[in-house]
Amino acid sequence: ASESRFSFDNMGWYRQAPGKQRELVAIITSGGSTNYADSVKGRFTID
């Protein structure tokens, strides 16, 4: 984040390939709980 004083609750990553809809890749809560798209489980890690 460009502003250090700002805080987020949930953060994550999305991706969009040409001609396709934007899809969720992974999310992480402020407490550290994570969820992943099935296509990236075991390969990607969010922190």
All heavy atoms as atom14 arrays in JSON, in Angstrom:
{
  "sequence": "ASESRFSFDNMGWYRQAPGKQRELVAIITSGGSTNYADSVKGRFTID",
  "atom14_mask": [
    [1, 1, 1, 1, 1, 0, 0, 0, 0, 0, 0, 0, 0, 0],
    [1, 1, 1, 1, 1, 1, 0, 0, 0, 0, 0, 0, 0, 0],
    [1, 1, 1, 1, 1, 1, 1, 1, 1, 0, 0, 0, 0, 0],
    [1, 1, 1, 1, 1, 1, 0, 0, 0, 0, 0, 0, 0, 0],
    [1, 1, 1, 1, 1, 1, 1, 1, 1, 1, 1, 0, 0, 0],
    [1, 1, 1, 1, 1, 1, 1, 1, 1, 1, 1, 0, 0, 0],
    [1, 1, 1, 1, 1, 1, 0, 0, 0, 0, 0, 0, 0, 0],
    [1, 1, 1, 1, 1, 1, 1, 1, 1, 1, 1, 0, 0, 0],
    [1, 1, 1, 1, 1, 1, 1, 1, 0, 0, 0, 0, 0, 0],
    [1, 1, 1, 1, 1, 1, 1, 1, 0, 0, 0, 0, 0, 0],
    [1, 1, 1, 1, 1, 1, 1, 1, 0, 0, 0, 0, 0, 0],
    [1, 1, 1, 1, 0, 0, 0, 0, 0, 0, 0, 0, 0, 0],
    [1, 1, 1, 1, 1, 1, 1, 1, 1, 1, 1, 1, 1, 1],
    [1, 1, 1, 1, 1, 1, 1, 1, 1, 1, 1, 1, 0, 0],
    [1, 1, 1, 1, 1, 1, 1, 1, 1, 1, 1, 0, 0, 0],
    [1, 1, 1, 1, 1, 1, 1, 1, 1, 0, 0, 0, 0, 0],
    [1, 1, 1, 1, 1, 0, 0, 0, 0, 0, 0, 0, 0, 0],
    [1, 1, 1, 1, 1, 1, 1, 0, 0, 0, 0, 0, 0, 0],
    [1, 1, 1, 1, 0, 0, 0, 0, 0, 0, 0, 0, 0, 0],
    [1, 1, 1, 1, 1, 1, 1, 1, 1, 0, 0, 0, 0, 0],
    [1, 1, 1, 1, 1, 1, 1, 1, 1, 0, 0, 0, 0, 0],
    [1, 1, 1, 1, 1, 1, 1, 1, 1, 1, 1, 0, 0, 0],
    [1, 1, 1, 1, 1, 1, 1, 1, 1, 0, 0, 0, 0, 0],
    [1, 1, 1, 1, 1, 1, 1, 1, 0, 0, 0, 0, 0, 0],
    [1, 1, 1, 1, 1, 1, 1, 0, 0, 0, 0, 0, 0, 0],
    [1, 1, 1, 1, 1, 0, 0, 0, 0, 0, 0, 0, 0, 0],
    [1, 1, 1, 1, 1, 1, 1, 1, 0, 0, 0, 0, 0, 0],
    [1, 1, 1, 1, 1, 1, 1, 1, 0, 0, 0, 0, 0, 0],
    [1, 1, 1, 1, 1, 1, 1, 0, 0, 0, 0, 0, 0, 0],
    [1, 1, 1, 1, 1, 1, 0, 0, 0, 0, 0, 0, 0, 0],
    [1, 1, 1, 1, 0, 0, 0, 0, 0, 0, 0, 0, 0, 0],
    [1, 1, 1, 1, 0, 0, 0, 0, 0, 0, 0, 0, 0, 0],
    [1, 1, 1, 1, 1, 1, 0, 0, 0, 0, 0, 0, 0, 0],
    [1, 1, 1, 1, 1, 1, 1, 0, 0, 0, 0, 0, 0, 0],
    [1, 1, 1, 1, 1, 1, 1, 1, 0, 0, 0, 0, 0, 0],
    [1, 1, 1, 1, 1, 1, 1, 1, 1, 1, 1, 1, 0, 0],
    [1, 1, 1, 1, 1, 0, 0, 0, 0, 0, 0, 0, 0, 0],
    [1, 1, 1, 1, 1, 1, 1, 1, 0, 0, 0, 0, 0, 0],
    [1, 1, 1, 1, 1, 1, 0, 0, 0, 0, 0, 0, 0, 0],
    [1, 1, 1, 1, 1, 1, 1, 0, 0, 0, 0, 0, 0, 0],
    [1, 1, 1, 1, 1, 1, 1, 1, 1, 0, 0, 0, 0, 0],
    [1, 1, 1, 1, 0, 0, 0, 0, 0, 0, 0, 0, 0, 0],
    [1, 1, 1, 1, 1, 1, 1, 1, 1, 1, 1, 0, 0, 0],
    [1, 1, 1, 1, 1, 1, 1, 1, 1, 1, 1, 0, 0, 0],
    [1, 1, 1, 1, 1, 1, 1, 0, 0, 0, 0, 0, 0, 0],
    [1, 1, 1, 1, 1, 1, 1, 1, 0, 0, 0, 0, 0, 0],
    [1, 1, 1, 1, 1, 1, 1, 1, 0, 0, 0, 0, 0, 0]
  ],
  "atom14_positions": [
    [[0.83, -1.19, 0.0], [0.0, 0.0, 0.0], [0.86, 1.24, 0.0], [1.91, 1.29, 0.65], [-0.93, 0.0, 1.2], [0.0, 0.0, 0.0], [0.0, 0.0, 0.0], [0.0, 0.0, 0.0], [0.0, 0.0, 0.0], [0.0, 0.0, 0.0], [0.0, 0.0, 0.0], [0.0, 0.0, 0.0], [0.0, 0.0, 0.0], [0.0, 0.0, 0.0]],
    [[0.42, 2.24, -0.73], [1.19, 3.47, -0.83], [1.16, 4.29, 0.45], [2.06, 5.1, 0.68], [0.67, 4.31, -2.0], [-0.68, 4.68, -1.79], [0.0, 0.0, 0.0], [0.0, 0.0, 0.0], [0.0, 0.0, 0.0], [0.0, 0.0, 0.0], [0.0, 0.0, 0.0], [0.0, 0.0, 0.0], [0.0, 0.0, 0.0], [0.0, 0.0, 0.0]],
    [[0.15, 4.1, 1.26], [-0.02, 4.85, 2.5], [0.17, 3.91, 3.67], [-0.63, 3.01, 3.9], [-1.39, 5.51, 2.54], [-1.61, 6.43, 3.72], [-2.92, 7.18, 3.64], [-3.2, 7.75, 2.56], [-3.66, 7.19, 4.64], [0.0, 0.0, 0.0], [0.0, 0.0, 0.0], [0.0, 0.0, 0.0], [0.0, 0.0, 0.0], [0.0, 0.0, 0.0]],
    [[1.22, 4.12, 4.42], [1.58, 3.2, 5.49], [0.57, 3.17, 6.63], [0.45, 2.16, 7.33], [2.97, 3.54, 6.04], [3.0, 4.86, 6.57], [0.0, 0.0, 0.0], [0.0, 0.0, 0.0], [0.0, 0.0, 0.0], [0.0, 0.0, 0.0], [0.0, 0.0, 0.0], [0.0, 0.0, 0.0], [0.0, 0.0, 0.0], [0.0, 0.0, 0.0]],
    [[-0.15, 4.25, 6.83], [-1.13, 4.31, 7.92], [-2.41, 3.56, 7.61], [-3.2, 3.27, 8.51], [-1.45, 5.77, 8.25], [-0.29, 6.56, 8.84], [-0.63, 8.02, 8.97], [-1.8, 8.24, 9.81], [-2.4, 9.41, 9.99], [-1.93, 10.49, 9.36], [-3.46, 9.52, 10.76], [0.0, 0.0, 0.0], [0.0, 0.0, 0.0], [0.0, 0.0, 0.0]],
    [[-2.64, 3.26, 6.36], [-3.85, 2.57, 5.97], [-3.74, 1.08, 6.28], [-2.68, 0.48, 6.1], [-4.11, 2.78, 4.48], [-5.51, 2.46, 4.04], [-6.49, 3.42, 4.07], [-5.84, 1.19, 3.62], [-7.78, 3.14, 3.67], [-7.12, 0.89, 3.23], [-8.09, 1.86, 3.25], [0.0, 0.0, 0.0], [0.0, 0.0, 0.0], [0.0, 0.0, 0.0]],
    [[-4.83, 0.49, 6.72], [-4.84, -0.93, 7.03], [-5.99, -1.61, 6.31], [-7.06, -1.03, 6.13], [-4.93, -1.16, 8.54], [-6.15, -0.64, 9.06], [0.0, 0.0, 0.0], [0.0, 0.0, 0.0], [0.0, 0.0, 0.0], [0.0, 0.0, 0.0], [0.0, 0.0, 0.0], [0.0, 0.0, 0.0], [0.0, 0.0, 0.0], [0.0, 0.0, 0.0]],
    [[-5.77, -2.85, 5.93], [-6.76, -3.66, 5.25], [-7.18, -4.81, 6.15], [-6.4, -5.29, 6.98], [-6.22, -4.22, 3.94], [-5.84, -3.19, 2.93], [-4.53, -2.76, 2.81], [-6.8, -2.64, 2.1], [-4.18, -1.8, 1.88], [-6.46, -1.68, 1.16], [-5.15, -1.26, 1.06], [0.0, 0.0, 0.0], [0.0, 0.0, 0.0], [0.0, 0.0, 0.0]],
    [[-8.42, -5.26, 5.98], [-8.84, -6.46, 6.68], [-8.44, -7.69, 5.85], [-7.54, -8.43, 6.23], [-10.33, -6.46, 7.0], [-11.21, -6.02, 5.85], [-10.71, -5.88, 4.71], [-12.42, -5.8, 6.08], [0.0, 0.0, 0.0], [0.0, 0.0, 0.0], [0.0, 0.0, 0.0], [0.0, 0.0, 0.0], [0.0, 0.0, 0.0], [0.0, 0.0, 0.0]],
    [[-9.1, -7.9, 4.72], [-8.73, -8.98, 3.83], [-7.86, -8.46, 2.69], [-8.04, -7.35, 2.21], [-9.96, -9.66, 3.24], [-10.84, -10.27, 4.3], [-10.36, -10.74, 5.33], [-12.14, -10.27, 4.06], [0.0, 0.0, 0.0], [0.0, 0.0, 0.0], [0.0, 0.0, 0.0], [0.0, 0.0, 0.0], [0.0, 0.0, 0.0], [0.0, 0.0, 0.0]],
    [[-6.93, -9.28, 2.26], [-6.11, -8.98, 1.1], [-6.03, -10.22, 0.23], [-6.28, -11.34, 0.7], [-4.71, -8.52, 1.5], [-4.69, -7.29, 2.39], [-3.02, -6.64, 2.67], [-2.74, -5.8, 1.1], [0.0, 0.0, 0.0], [0.0, 0.0, 0.0], [0.0, 0.0, 0.0], [0.0, 0.0, 0.0], [0.0, 0.0, 0.0], [0.0, 0.0, 0.0]],
    [[-5.7, -10.01, -1.02], [-5.63, -11.17, -1.89], [-5.08, -10.86, -3.26], [-4.62, -9.75, -3.54], [0.0, 0.0, 0.0], [0.0, 0.0, 0.0], [0.0, 0.0, 0.0], [0.0, 0.0, 0.0], [0.0, 0.0, 0.0], [0.0, 0.0, 0.0], [0.0, 0.0, 0.0], [0.0, 0.0, 0.0], [0.0, 0.0, 0.0], [0.0, 0.0, 0.0]],
    [[-5.13, -11.89, -4.08], [-4.67, -11.81, -5.45], [-5.73, -12.36, -6.39], [-6.31, -13.41, -6.13], [-3.37, -12.59, -5.64], [-2.2, -11.99, -4.93], [-1.77, -12.27, -3.67], [-1.3, -11.01, -5.47], [-0.66, -11.52, -3.37], [-0.35, -10.73, -4.45], [-1.21, -10.35, -6.68], [0.68, -9.81, -4.63], [-0.19, -9.43, -6.86], [0.74, -9.18, -5.84]],
    [[-5.96, -11.65, -7.46], [-6.8, -12.08, -8.54], [-5.96, -12.12, -9.81], [-4.88, -11.54, -9.88], [-7.99, -11.13, -8.75], [-9.03, -11.19, -7.65], [-8.78, -10.65, -6.4], [-10.29, -11.76, -7.89], [-9.74, -10.7, -5.4], [-11.25, -11.79, -6.9], [-10.97, -11.27, -5.66], [-11.93, -11.3, -4.67], [0.0, 0.0, 0.0], [0.0, 0.0, 0.0]],
    [[-6.48, -12.79, -10.82], [-5.79, -12.8, -12.1], [-6.8, -12.81, -13.23], [-7.93, -13.25, -13.08], [-4.84, -13.99, -12.22], [-5.53, -15.35, -12.3], [-4.49, -16.47, -12.3], [-5.1, -17.78, -12.41], [-4.44, -18.93, -12.31], [-3.12, -18.91, -12.08], [-5.08, -20.08, -12.43], [0.0, 0.0, 0.0], [0.0, 0.0, 0.0], [0.0, 0.0, 0.0]],
    [[-6.37, -12.31, -14.37], [-7.22, -12.27, -15.54], [-6.39, -12.55, -16.78], [-5.44, -11.83, -17.08], [-7.91, -10.9, -15.68], [-8.93, -10.84, -16.79], [-9.78, -9.6, -16.73], [-9.39, -8.6, -16.14], [-10.95, -9.65, -17.33], [0.0, 0.0, 0.0], [0.0, 0.0, 0.0], [0.0, 0.0, 0.0], [0.0, 0.0, 0.0], [0.0, 0.0, 0.0]],
    [[-6.76, -13.61, -17.46], [-6.14, -13.96, -18.72], [-6.92, -13.32, -19.87], [-8.1, -13.01, -19.72], [-6.09, -15.48, -18.89], [0.0, 0.0, 0.0], [0.0, 0.0, 0.0], [0.0, 0.0, 0.0], [0.0, 0.0, 0.0], [0.0, 0.0, 0.0], [0.0, 0.0, 0.0], [0.0, 0.0, 0.0], [0.0, 0.0, 0.0], [0.0, 0.0, 0.0]],
    [[-6.29, -13.12, -21.01], [-6.99, -12.5, -22.14], [-8.26, -13.25, -22.52], [-8.25, -14.47, -22.66], [-5.96, -12.56, -23.27], [-4.64, -12.58, -22.57], [-4.88, -13.39, -21.32], [0.0, 0.0, 0.0], [0.0, 0.0, 0.0], [0.0, 0.0, 0.0], [0.0, 0.0, 0.0], [0.0, 0.0, 0.0], [0.0, 0.0, 0.0], [0.0, 0.0, 0.0]],
    [[-9.35, -12.51, -22.65], [-10.62, -13.09, -23.04], [-11.34, -13.84, -21.94], [-12.38, -14.45, -22.21], [0.0, 0.0, 0.0], [0.0, 0.0, 0.0], [0.0, 0.0, 0.0], [0.0, 0.0, 0.0], [0.0, 0.0, 0.0], [0.0, 0.0, 0.0], [0.0, 0.0, 0.0], [0.0, 0.0, 0.0], [0.0, 0.0, 0.0], [0.0, 0.0, 0.0]],
    [[-10.82, -13.81, -20.73], [-11.43, -14.53, -19.62], [-11.79, -13.56, -18.5], [-11.29, -12.45, -18.42], [-10.5, -15.61, -19.09], [-10.17, -16.7, -20.1], [-9.3, -17.78, -19.49], [-8.99, -18.87, -20.49], [-8.14, -19.93, -19.9], [0.0, 0.0, 0.0], [0.0, 0.0, 0.0], [0.0, 0.0, 0.0], [0.0, 0.0, 0.0], [0.0, 0.0, 0.0]],
    [[-12.69, -14.02, -17.63], [-13.09, -13.22, -16.49], [-12.0, -13.21, -15.42], [-11.22, -14.16, -15.31], [-14.39, -13.76, -15.89], [-15.59, -13.66, -16.82], [-16.86, -14.16, -16.15], [-16.84, -14.6, -15.0], [-17.96, -14.09, -16.87], [0.0, 0.0, 0.0], [0.0, 0.0, 0.0], [0.0, 0.0, 0.0], [0.0, 0.0, 0.0], [0.0, 0.0, 0.0]],
    [[-11.98, -12.14, -14.66], [-11.07, -12.08, -13.54], [-11.48, -13.1, -12.49], [-12.66, -13.22, -12.16], [-11.05, -10.67, -12.95], [-9.99, -10.45, -11.89], [-9.93, -8.99, -11.45], [-9.57, -8.11, -12.54], [-9.31, -6.81, -12.4], [-9.38, -6.25, -11.2], [-9.0, -6.08, -13.45], [0.0, 0.0, 0.0], [0.0, 0.0, 0.0], [0.0, 0.0, 0.0]],
    [[-10.51, -13.83, -11.97], [-10.8, -14.88, -11.01], [-9.95, -14.73, -9.77], [-8.82, -14.23, -9.81], [-10.56, -16.26, -11.63], [-9.12, -16.53, -12.01], [-8.88, -17.95, -12.5], [-9.76, -18.81, -12.31], [-7.8, -18.2, -13.09], [0.0, 0.0, 0.0], [0.0, 0.0, 0.0], [0.0, 0.0, 0.0], [0.0, 0.0, 0.0], [0.0, 0.0, 0.0]],
    [[-10.5, -15.18, -8.67], [-9.78, -15.17, -7.4], [-8.7, -16.24, -7.41], [-8.95, -17.39, -7.76], [-10.74, -15.4, -6.24], [-10.11, -15.53, -4.85], [-9.51, -14.21, -4.42], [-11.14, -16.02, -3.84], [0.0, 0.0, 0.0], [0.0, 0.0, 0.0], [0.0, 0.0, 0.0], [0.0, 0.0, 0.0], [0.0, 0.0, 0.0], [0.0, 0.0, 0.0]],
    [[-7.51, -15.86, -7.0], [-6.41, -16.79, -6.86], [-6.24, -17.2, -5.4], [-6.19, -18.39, -5.08], [-5.09, -16.2, -7.39], [-3.93, -17.16, -7.17], [-5.23, -15.85, -8.87], [0.0, 0.0, 0.0], [0.0, 0.0, 0.0], [0.0, 0.0, 0.0], [0.0, 0.0, 0.0], [0.0, 0.0, 0.0], [0.0, 0.0, 0.0], [0.0, 0.0, 0.0]],
    [[-6.15, -16.23, -4.52], [-5.94, -16.5, -3.11], [-6.33, -15.28, -2.29], [-6.2, -14.14, -2.76], [-4.49, -16.88, -2.82], [0.0, 0.0, 0.0], [0.0, 0.0, 0.0], [0.0, 0.0, 0.0], [0.0, 0.0, 0.0], [0.0, 0.0, 0.0], [0.0, 0.0, 0.0], [0.0, 0.0, 0.0], [0.0, 0.0, 0.0], [0.0, 0.0, 0.0]],
    [[-6.81, -15.51, -1.08], [-7.12, -14.44, -0.15], [-6.52, -14.78, 1.21], [-6.32, -15.96, 1.53], [-8.63, -14.18, -0.02], [-9.37, -15.45, 0.41], [-9.2, -13.62, -1.32], [-10.83, -15.22, 0.75], [0.0, 0.0, 0.0], [0.0, 0.0, 0.0], [0.0, 0.0, 0.0], [0.0, 0.0, 0.0], [0.0, 0.0, 0.0], [0.0, 0.0, 0.0]],
    [[-6.28, -13.76, 1.98], [-5.78, -13.93, 3.34], [-6.42, -12.87, 4.22], [-6.48, -11.7, 3.86], [-4.24, -13.87, 3.38], [-3.72, -14.15, 4.8], [-3.72, -12.54, 2.84], [-2.21, -14.39, 4.84], [0.0, 0.0, 0.0], [0.0, 0.0, 0.0], [0.0, 0.0, 0.0], [0.0, 0.0, 0.0], [0.0, 0.0, 0.0], [0.0, 0.0, 0.0]],
    [[-6.9, -13.28, 5.38], [-7.52, -12.36, 6.31], [-6.46, -11.69, 7.18], [-5.29, -12.05, 7.17], [-8.53, -13.07, 7.21], [-7.83, -13.94, 8.12], [-9.51, -13.9, 6.38], [0.0, 0.0, 0.0], [0.0, 0.0, 0.0], [0.0, 0.0, 0.0], [0.0, 0.0, 0.0], [0.0, 0.0, 0.0], [0.0, 0.0, 0.0], [0.0, 0.0, 0.0]],
    [[-6.9, -10.7, 7.94], [-5.99, -10.02, 8.84], [-5.42, -10.97, 9.88], [-4.32, -10.74, 10.4], [-6.68, -8.84, 9.52], [-7.8, -9.27, 10.28], [0.0, 0.0, 0.0], [0.0, 0.0, 0.0], [0.0, 0.0, 0.0], [0.0, 0.0, 0.0], [0.0, 0.0, 0.0], [0.0, 0.0, 0.0], [0.0, 0.0, 0.0], [0.0, 0.0, 0.0]],
    [[-6.17, -12.03, 10.19], [-5.72, -13.02, 11.15], [-4.88, -14.14, 10.56], [-4.4, -15.0, 11.3], [0.0, 0.0, 0.0], [0.0, 0.0, 0.0], [0.0, 0.0, 0.0], [0.0, 0.0, 0.0], [0.0, 0.0, 0.0], [0.0, 0.0, 0.0], [0.0, 0.0, 0.0], [0.0, 0.0, 0.0], [0.0, 0.0, 0.0], [0.0, 0.0, 0.0]],
    [[-4.71, -14.14, 9.25], [-3.86, -15.12, 8.61], [-4.56, -16.31, 8.0], [-3.88, -17.21, 7.47], [0.0, 0.0, 0.0], [0.0, 0.0, 0.0], [0.0, 0.0, 0.0], [0.0, 0.0, 0.0], [0.0, 0.0, 0.0], [0.0, 0.0, 0.0], [0.0, 0.0, 0.0], [0.0, 0.0, 0.0], [0.0, 0.0, 0.0], [0.0, 0.0, 0.0]],
    [[-5.88, -16.37, 8.06], [-6.6, -17.46, 7.4], [-6.53, -17.29, 5.89], [-6.64, -16.18, 5.38], [-8.05, -17.5, 7.86], [-8.14, -17.75, 9.25], [0.0, 0.0, 0.0], [0.0, 0.0, 0.0], [0.0, 0.0, 0.0], [0.0, 0.0, 0.0], [0.0, 0.0, 0.0], [0.0, 0.0, 0.0], [0.0, 0.0, 0.0], [0.0, 0.0, 0.0]],
    [[-6.39, -18.39, 5.18], [-6.2, -18.34, 3.74], [-7.19, -19.22, 3.01], [-7.7, -20.21, 3.55], [-4.78, -18.78, 3.35], [-4.55, -20.12, 3.8], [-3.74, -17.86, 3.97], [0.0, 0.0, 0.0], [0.0, 0.0, 0.0], [0.0, 0.0, 0.0], [0.0, 0.0, 0.0], [0.0, 0.0, 0.0], [0.0, 0.0, 0.0], [0.0, 0.0, 0.0]],
    [[-7.45, -18.86, 1.77], [-8.23, -19.67, 0.85], [-7.6, -19.55, -0.53], [-7.11, -18.48, -0.91], [-9.69, -19.22, 0.8], [-10.5, -19.71, 1.97], [-10.8, -20.9, 2.06], [-10.85, -18.81, 2.87], [0.0, 0.0, 0.0], [0.0, 0.0, 0.0], [0.0, 0.0, 0.0], [0.0, 0.0, 0.0], [0.0, 0.0, 0.0], [0.0, 0.0, 0.0]],
    [[-7.65, -20.65, -1.28], [-7.03, -20.71, -2.59], [-7.99, -21.26, -3.62], [-8.85, -22.1, -3.31], [-5.79, -21.6, -2.57], [-4.68, -21.13, -1.67], [-4.62, -21.54, -0.34], [-3.69, -20.29, -2.16], [-3.6, -21.11, 0.47], [-2.66, -19.86, -1.34], [-2.62, -20.27, -0.02], [-1.6, -19.85, 0.79], [0.0, 0.0, 0.0], [0.0, 0.0, 0.0]],
    [[-7.82, -20.81, -4.85], [-8.5, -21.45, -5.95], [-8.0, -22.88, -6.09], [-6.82, -23.16, -5.85], [-8.27, -20.68, -7.24], [0.0, 0.0, 0.0], [0.0, 0.0, 0.0], [0.0, 0.0, 0.0], [0.0, 0.0, 0.0], [0.0, 0.0, 0.0], [0.0, 0.0, 0.0], [0.0, 0.0, 0.0], [0.0, 0.0, 0.0], [0.0, 0.0, 0.0]],
    [[-8.89, -23.78, -6.47], [-8.5, -25.18, -6.59], [-7.34, -25.37, -7.57], [-6.49, -26.25, -7.38], [-9.69, -26.03, -7.05], [-10.73, -26.21, -5.97], [-10.42, -26.01, -4.78], [-11.87, -26.56, -6.32], [0.0, 0.0, 0.0], [0.0, 0.0, 0.0], [0.0, 0.0, 0.0], [0.0, 0.0, 0.0], [0.0, 0.0, 0.0], [0.0, 0.0, 0.0]],
    [[-7.28, -24.54, -8.58], [-6.27, -24.69, -9.61], [-4.85, -24.37, -9.12], [-3.88, -24.75, -9.78], [-6.6, -23.8, -10.81], [-6.65, -22.43, -10.44], [0.0, 0.0, 0.0], [0.0, 0.0, 0.0], [0.0, 0.0, 0.0], [0.0, 0.0, 0.0], [0.0, 0.0, 0.0], [0.0, 0.0, 0.0], [0.0, 0.0, 0.0], [0.0, 0.0, 0.0]],
    [[-4.73, -23.68, -7.99], [-3.41, -23.3, -7.51], [-3.06, -23.92, -6.17], [-1.94, -23.73, -5.67], [-3.26, -21.76, -7.41], [-3.62, -21.11, -8.74], [-4.12, -21.2, -6.28], [0.0, 0.0, 0.0], [0.0, 0.0, 0.0], [0.0, 0.0, 0.0], [0.0, 0.0, 0.0], [0.0, 0.0, 0.0], [0.0, 0.0, 0.0], [0.0, 0.0, 0.0]],
    [[-3.96, -24.66, -5.57], [-3.69, -25.28, -4.27], [-2.48, -26.2, -4.36], [-2.34, -26.98, -5.29], [-4.9, -26.08, -3.79], [-6.03, -25.23, -3.27], [-7.18, -26.09, -2.76], [-8.3, -25.24, -2.21], [-9.44, -26.07, -1.74], [0.0, 0.0, 0.0], [0.0, 0.0, 0.0], [0.0, 0.0, 0.0], [0.0, 0.0, 0.0], [0.0, 0.0, 0.0]],
    [[-1.61, -26.07, -3.39], [-0.4, -26.86, -3.36], [0.74, -26.27, -4.13], [1.88, -26.74, -4.0], [0.0, 0.0, 0.0], [0.0, 0.0, 0.0], [0.0, 0.0, 0.0], [0.0, 0.0, 0.0], [0.0, 0.0, 0.0], [0.0, 0.0, 0.0], [0.0, 0.0, 0.0], [0.0, 0.0, 0.0], [0.0, 0.0, 0.0], [0.0, 0.0, 0.0]],
    [[0.48, -25.25, -4.94], [1.52, -24.62, -5.74], [1.78, -23.18, -5.32], [2.92, -22.72, -5.4], [1.15, -24.65, -7.23], [0.98, -26.06, -7.79], [0.85, -26.03, -9.31], [-0.34, -25.29, -9.74], [-0.3, -24.21, -10.52], [0.85, -23.75, -10.96], [-1.43, -23.61, -10.87], [0.0, 0.0, 0.0], [0.0, 0.0, 0.0], [0.0, 0.0, 0.0]],
    [[0.73, -22.47, -4.92], [0.85, -21.06, -4.56], [0.67, -20.91, -3.05], [-0.09, -21.64, -2.42], [-0.22, -20.22, -5.25], [-0.06, -20.08, -6.74], [0.88, -20.82, -7.46], [-0.86, -19.19, -7.43], [1.01, -20.69, -8.82], [-0.74, -19.04, -8.81], [0.2, -19.79, -9.51], [0.0, 0.0, 0.0], [0.0, 0.0, 0.0], [0.0, 0.0, 0.0]],
    [[1.34, -19.92, -2.5], [1.19, -19.58, -1.1], [1.04, -18.07, -0.95], [1.85, -17.31, -1.49], [2.4, -20.05, -0.27], [2.56, -21.46, -0.39], [2.2, -19.7, 1.2], [0.0, 0.0, 0.0], [0.0, 0.0, 0.0], [0.0, 0.0, 0.0], [0.0, 0.0, 0.0], [0.0, 0.0, 0.0], [0.0, 0.0, 0.0], [0.0, 0.0, 0.0]],
    [[0.01, -17.66, -0.24], [-0.2, -16.25, 0.04], [0.19, -15.96, 1.49], [-0.07, -16.78, 2.37], [-1.66, -15.82, -0.24], [-1.82, -14.31, -0.1], [-2.63, -16.57, 0.67], [-3.18, -13.8, -0.56], [0.0, 0.0, 0.0], [0.0, 0.0, 0.0], [0.0, 0.0, 0.0], [0.0, 0.0, 0.0], [0.0, 0.0, 0.0], [0.0, 0.0, 0.0]],
    [[0.83, -14.85, 1.71], [1.09, -14.41, 3.07], [1.08, -12.89, 3.11], [0.99, -12.23, 2.07], [2.39, -14.99, 3.63], [3.61, -14.7, 2.78], [3.73, -13.58, 2.23], [4.48, -15.59, 2.66], [0.0, 0.0, 0.0], [0.0, 0.0, 0.0], [0.0, 0.0, 0.0], [0.0, 0.0, 0.0], [0.0, 0.0, 0.0], [0.0, 0.0, 0.0]]
  ]
}
